Amino acid sequence: MTVSDTRRDHAPGPTTVESAASPALSRRTLGWSGVVIVGLILWFFIAWRGLGRTLIDSAGESIGTGFLMLVIASTVGAFRNRRGG
């Protein structure tokens, strides 16, 4: 028995796709995510074409609004988890 044989005998087994995958999102979460994404894209086009802002300014507004929504969702989730809700 060589060193490589010993390592092979004690190596962990292959992981399945189910164990490696993250938990699935609910339909409600996917629906709201879609609504938010479409809303951000619409806001980009409204700011760019409707309000006459430059392309970079419009993209920055949409991206900044998206990050703000993520911060709010994260804060609400942290408070809900802390309170056991």
N, C-alpha and C. Protein backbone atom coordinates (compact mmCIF):
# COMPACT_ATOMS: atom_id res chain seq x y z
N MET A 1 0.86 -1.18 0.00
CA MET A 1 0.00 0.00 0.00
C MET A 1 0.90 1.24 0.00
N THR A 2 0.63 2.13 -0.91
CA THR A 2 1.43 3.35 -1.01
C THR A 2 0.70 4.50 -0.34
N VAL A 3 1.38 5.62 -0.29
CA VAL A 3 0.79 6.81 0.32
C VAL A 3 -0.43 7.26 -0.46
N SER A 4 -0.36 7.20 -1.78
CA SER A 4 -1.50 7.63 -2.59
C SER A 4 -2.70 6.71 -2.38
N ASP A 5 -2.47 5.41 -2.15
CA ASP A 5 -3.58 4.50 -1.86
C ASP A 5 -4.24 4.84 -0.54
N THR A 6 -3.45 5.22 0.46
CA THR A 6 -4.00 5.57 1.76
C THR A 6 -4.84 6.83 1.67
N ARG A 7 -4.39 7.81 0.94
CA ARG A 7 -5.15 9.04 0.78
C ARG A 7 -6.47 8.77 0.06
N ARG A 8 -6.43 7.91 -0.93
CA ARG A 8 -7.63 7.60 -1.67
C ARG A 8 -8.65 6.88 -0.79
N ASP A 9 -8.19 6.02 0.11
CA ASP A 9 -9.11 5.28 0.98
C ASP A 9 -9.82 6.20 1.97
N HIS A 10 -9.17 7.26 2.39
CA HIS A 10 -9.73 8.13 3.41
C HIS A 10 -10.32 9.42 2.85
N ALA A 11 -10.34 9.55 1.55
CA ALA A 11 -10.89 10.76 0.95
C ALA A 11 -12.42 10.75 1.09
N PRO A 12 -13.01 11.91 1.30
CA PRO A 12 -14.46 11.95 1.41
C PRO A 12 -15.11 11.57 0.08
N GLY A 13 -16.28 10.99 0.17
CA GLY A 13 -17.00 10.55 -1.01
C GLY A 13 -17.52 11.73 -1.82
N PRO A 14 -17.94 11.47 -3.02
CA PRO A 14 -18.45 12.55 -3.85
C PRO A 14 -19.74 13.12 -3.28
N THR A 15 -19.90 14.39 -3.44
CA THR A 15 -21.12 15.02 -2.95
C THR A 15 -22.16 15.00 -4.04
N THR A 16 -23.39 14.89 -3.64
CA THR A 16 -24.48 14.90 -4.63
C THR A 16 -24.88 16.33 -4.92
N VAL A 17 -25.59 16.52 -5.97
CA VAL A 17 -26.02 17.86 -6.37
C VAL A 17 -26.97 18.42 -5.32
N GLU A 18 -27.82 17.58 -4.75
CA GLU A 18 -28.78 18.05 -3.76
C GLU A 18 -28.09 18.56 -2.49
N SER A 19 -27.03 17.91 -2.07
CA SER A 19 -26.36 18.34 -0.85
C SER A 19 -25.52 19.59 -1.07
N ALA A 20 -25.03 19.78 -2.28
CA ALA A 20 -24.19 20.94 -2.56
C ALA A 20 -25.01 22.18 -2.91
N ALA A 21 -26.24 21.98 -3.33
CA ALA A 21 -27.07 23.11 -3.76
C ALA A 21 -27.63 23.85 -2.56
N SER A 22 -27.84 25.15 -2.75
CA SER A 22 -28.45 25.95 -1.69
C SER A 22 -29.96 25.69 -1.69
N PRO A 23 -30.62 26.01 -0.59
CA PRO A 23 -32.07 25.77 -0.55
C PRO A 23 -32.79 26.60 -1.60
N ALA A 24 -33.86 26.04 -2.12
CA ALA A 24 -34.60 26.71 -3.18
C ALA A 24 -35.39 27.89 -2.62
N LEU A 25 -35.56 28.91 -3.43
CA LEU A 25 -36.35 30.07 -3.03
C LEU A 25 -37.82 29.77 -3.26
N SER A 26 -38.65 30.39 -2.46
CA SER A 26 -40.09 30.19 -2.61
C SER A 26 -40.59 30.93 -3.84
N ARG A 27 -41.78 30.56 -4.30
CA ARG A 27 -42.36 31.23 -5.47
C ARG A 27 -42.64 32.70 -5.15
N ARG A 28 -43.01 32.96 -3.93
CA ARG A 28 -43.28 34.34 -3.53
C ARG A 28 -42.02 35.20 -3.62
N THR A 29 -40.91 34.66 -3.15
CA THR A 29 -39.64 35.38 -3.22
C THR A 29 -39.21 35.60 -4.67
N LEU A 30 -39.36 34.57 -5.50
CA LEU A 30 -39.01 34.72 -6.91
C LEU A 30 -39.90 35.74 -7.60
N GLY A 31 -41.18 35.76 -7.25
CA GLY A 31 -42.10 36.73 -7.83
C GLY A 31 -41.73 38.16 -7.47
N TRP A 32 -41.46 38.39 -6.20
CA TRP A 32 -41.08 39.74 -5.77
C TRP A 32 -39.73 40.15 -6.35
N SER A 33 -38.82 39.20 -6.48
CA SER A 33 -37.52 39.51 -7.10
C SER A 33 -37.71 39.95 -8.54
N GLY A 34 -38.58 39.27 -9.25
CA GLY A 34 -38.87 39.65 -10.63
C GLY A 34 -39.49 41.03 -10.73
N VAL A 35 -40.41 41.33 -9.82
CA VAL A 35 -41.05 42.65 -9.81
C VAL A 35 -40.01 43.74 -9.56
N VAL A 36 -39.12 43.51 -8.61
CA VAL A 36 -38.08 44.50 -8.29
C VAL A 36 -37.14 44.70 -9.48
N ILE A 37 -36.73 43.61 -10.12
CA ILE A 37 -35.82 43.72 -11.25
C ILE A 37 -36.47 44.49 -12.40
N VAL A 38 -37.70 44.16 -12.71
CA VAL A 38 -38.41 44.87 -13.78
C VAL A 38 -38.58 46.35 -13.40
N GLY A 39 -38.89 46.62 -12.13
CA GLY A 39 -39.02 48.01 -11.67
C GLY A 39 -37.74 48.79 -11.81
N LEU A 40 -36.61 48.17 -11.49
CA LEU A 40 -35.32 48.86 -11.62
C LEU A 40 -34.98 49.12 -13.09
N ILE A 41 -35.30 48.17 -13.95
CA ILE A 41 -35.05 48.38 -15.38
C ILE A 41 -35.94 49.50 -15.92
N LEU A 42 -37.20 49.50 -15.51
CA LEU A 42 -38.10 50.58 -15.93
C LEU A 42 -37.62 51.93 -15.41
N TRP A 43 -37.16 51.96 -14.16
CA TRP A 43 -36.65 53.22 -13.61
C TRP A 43 -35.44 53.71 -14.40
N PHE A 44 -34.59 52.80 -14.83
CA PHE A 44 -33.45 53.17 -15.65
C PHE A 44 -33.90 53.87 -16.94
N PHE A 45 -34.88 53.26 -17.64
CA PHE A 45 -35.34 53.84 -18.90
C PHE A 45 -36.11 55.15 -18.69
N ILE A 46 -36.88 55.24 -17.61
CA ILE A 46 -37.59 56.49 -17.32
C ILE A 46 -36.60 57.61 -17.03
N ALA A 47 -35.58 57.30 -16.22
CA ALA A 47 -34.59 58.33 -15.90
C ALA A 47 -33.78 58.71 -17.13
N TRP A 48 -33.45 57.75 -17.97
CA TRP A 48 -32.62 58.01 -19.13
C TRP A 48 -33.39 58.74 -20.23
N ARG A 49 -34.54 58.20 -20.61
CA ARG A 49 -35.28 58.78 -21.72
C ARG A 49 -36.29 59.83 -21.28
N GLY A 50 -37.00 59.55 -20.21
CA GLY A 50 -38.07 60.46 -19.80
C GLY A 50 -37.57 61.71 -19.10
N LEU A 51 -36.58 61.55 -18.23
CA LEU A 51 -36.08 62.69 -17.47
C LEU A 51 -34.86 63.34 -18.12
N GLY A 52 -34.35 62.74 -19.18
CA GLY A 52 -33.25 63.35 -19.92
C GLY A 52 -31.90 63.27 -19.24
N ARG A 53 -31.70 62.34 -18.35
CA ARG A 53 -30.40 62.19 -17.70
C ARG A 53 -29.46 61.40 -18.61
N THR A 54 -28.18 61.48 -18.32
CA THR A 54 -27.21 60.73 -19.12
C THR A 54 -27.32 59.24 -18.80
N LEU A 55 -26.74 58.44 -19.67
CA LEU A 55 -26.79 56.98 -19.52
C LEU A 55 -26.14 56.55 -18.21
N ILE A 56 -25.01 57.11 -17.89
CA ILE A 56 -24.28 56.73 -16.68
C ILE A 56 -25.06 57.15 -15.42
N ASP A 57 -25.64 58.33 -15.43
CA ASP A 57 -26.44 58.79 -14.29
C ASP A 57 -27.65 57.89 -14.07
N SER A 58 -28.30 57.51 -15.15
CA SER A 58 -29.48 56.65 -15.04
C SER A 58 -29.10 55.27 -14.51
N ALA A 59 -28.00 54.72 -15.02
CA ALA A 59 -27.54 53.42 -14.54
C ALA A 59 -27.15 53.52 -13.06
N GLY A 60 -26.49 54.59 -12.68
CA GLY A 60 -26.11 54.77 -11.27
C GLY A 60 -27.31 54.87 -10.35
N GLU A 61 -28.34 55.55 -10.80
CA GLU A 61 -29.57 55.65 -9.99
C GLU A 61 -30.20 54.29 -9.80
N SER A 62 -30.30 53.52 -10.88
CA SER A 62 -30.92 52.20 -10.79
C SER A 62 -30.10 51.25 -9.91
N ILE A 63 -28.81 51.25 -10.10
CA ILE A 63 -27.95 50.38 -9.30
C ILE A 63 -27.97 50.80 -7.84
N GLY A 64 -27.91 52.09 -7.59
CA GLY A 64 -27.96 52.58 -6.21
C GLY A 64 -29.28 52.25 -5.54
N THR A 65 -30.38 52.36 -6.27
CA THR A 65 -31.68 51.99 -5.71
C THR A 65 -31.74 50.50 -5.41
N GLY A 66 -31.16 49.70 -6.30
CA GLY A 66 -31.11 48.25 -6.05
C GLY A 66 -30.32 47.91 -4.80
N PHE A 67 -29.17 48.55 -4.61
CA PHE A 67 -28.38 48.32 -3.40
C PHE A 67 -29.11 48.79 -2.15
N LEU A 68 -29.81 49.91 -2.24
CA LEU A 68 -30.60 50.38 -1.10
C LEU A 68 -31.67 49.36 -0.73
N MET A 69 -32.33 48.79 -1.73
CA MET A 69 -33.35 47.77 -1.45
C MET A 69 -32.72 46.53 -0.80
N LEU A 70 -31.52 46.15 -1.23
CA LEU A 70 -30.84 45.01 -0.60
C LEU A 70 -30.49 45.30 0.86
N VAL A 71 -30.04 46.52 1.14
CA VAL A 71 -29.72 46.89 2.52
C VAL A 71 -30.97 46.87 3.38
N ILE A 72 -32.07 47.39 2.87
CA ILE A 72 -33.32 47.39 3.63
C ILE A 72 -33.79 45.96 3.88
N ALA A 73 -33.75 45.11 2.84
CA ALA A 73 -34.17 43.72 3.00
C ALA A 73 -33.28 42.98 3.99
N SER A 74 -31.99 43.25 3.96
CA SER A 74 -31.06 42.61 4.88
C SER A 74 -31.32 43.05 6.32
N THR A 75 -31.57 44.34 6.51
CA THR A 75 -31.84 44.86 7.86
C THR A 75 -33.13 44.28 8.41
N VAL A 76 -34.17 44.26 7.59
CA VAL A 76 -35.44 43.68 8.04
C VAL A 76 -35.26 42.21 8.36
N GLY A 77 -34.54 41.47 7.52
CA GLY A 77 -34.28 40.05 7.79
C GLY A 77 -33.49 39.83 9.07
N ALA A 78 -32.53 40.70 9.34
CA ALA A 78 -31.74 40.55 10.57
C ALA A 78 -32.61 40.77 11.80
N PHE A 79 -33.47 41.78 11.76
CA PHE A 79 -34.36 42.02 12.90
C PHE A 79 -35.38 40.90 13.07
N ARG A 80 -35.88 40.37 11.98
CA ARG A 80 -36.85 39.27 12.07
C ARG A 80 -36.19 38.02 12.65
N ASN A 81 -34.96 37.72 12.24
CA ASN A 81 -34.26 36.55 12.75
C ASN A 81 -33.87 36.72 14.21
N ARG A 82 -33.54 37.94 14.59
CA ARG A 82 -33.15 38.19 15.98
C ARG A 82 -34.32 38.02 16.93
N ARG A 83 -35.50 38.40 16.46
CA ARG A 83 -36.70 38.31 17.30
C ARG A 83 -37.34 36.94 17.20
N GLY A 84 -36.83 36.08 16.34
CA GLY A 84 -37.38 34.74 16.21
C GLY A 84 -38.56 34.66 15.28
N GLY A 85 -38.74 35.67 14.41
CA GLY A 85 -39.89 35.72 13.51
C GLY A 85 -39.56 35.16 12.21
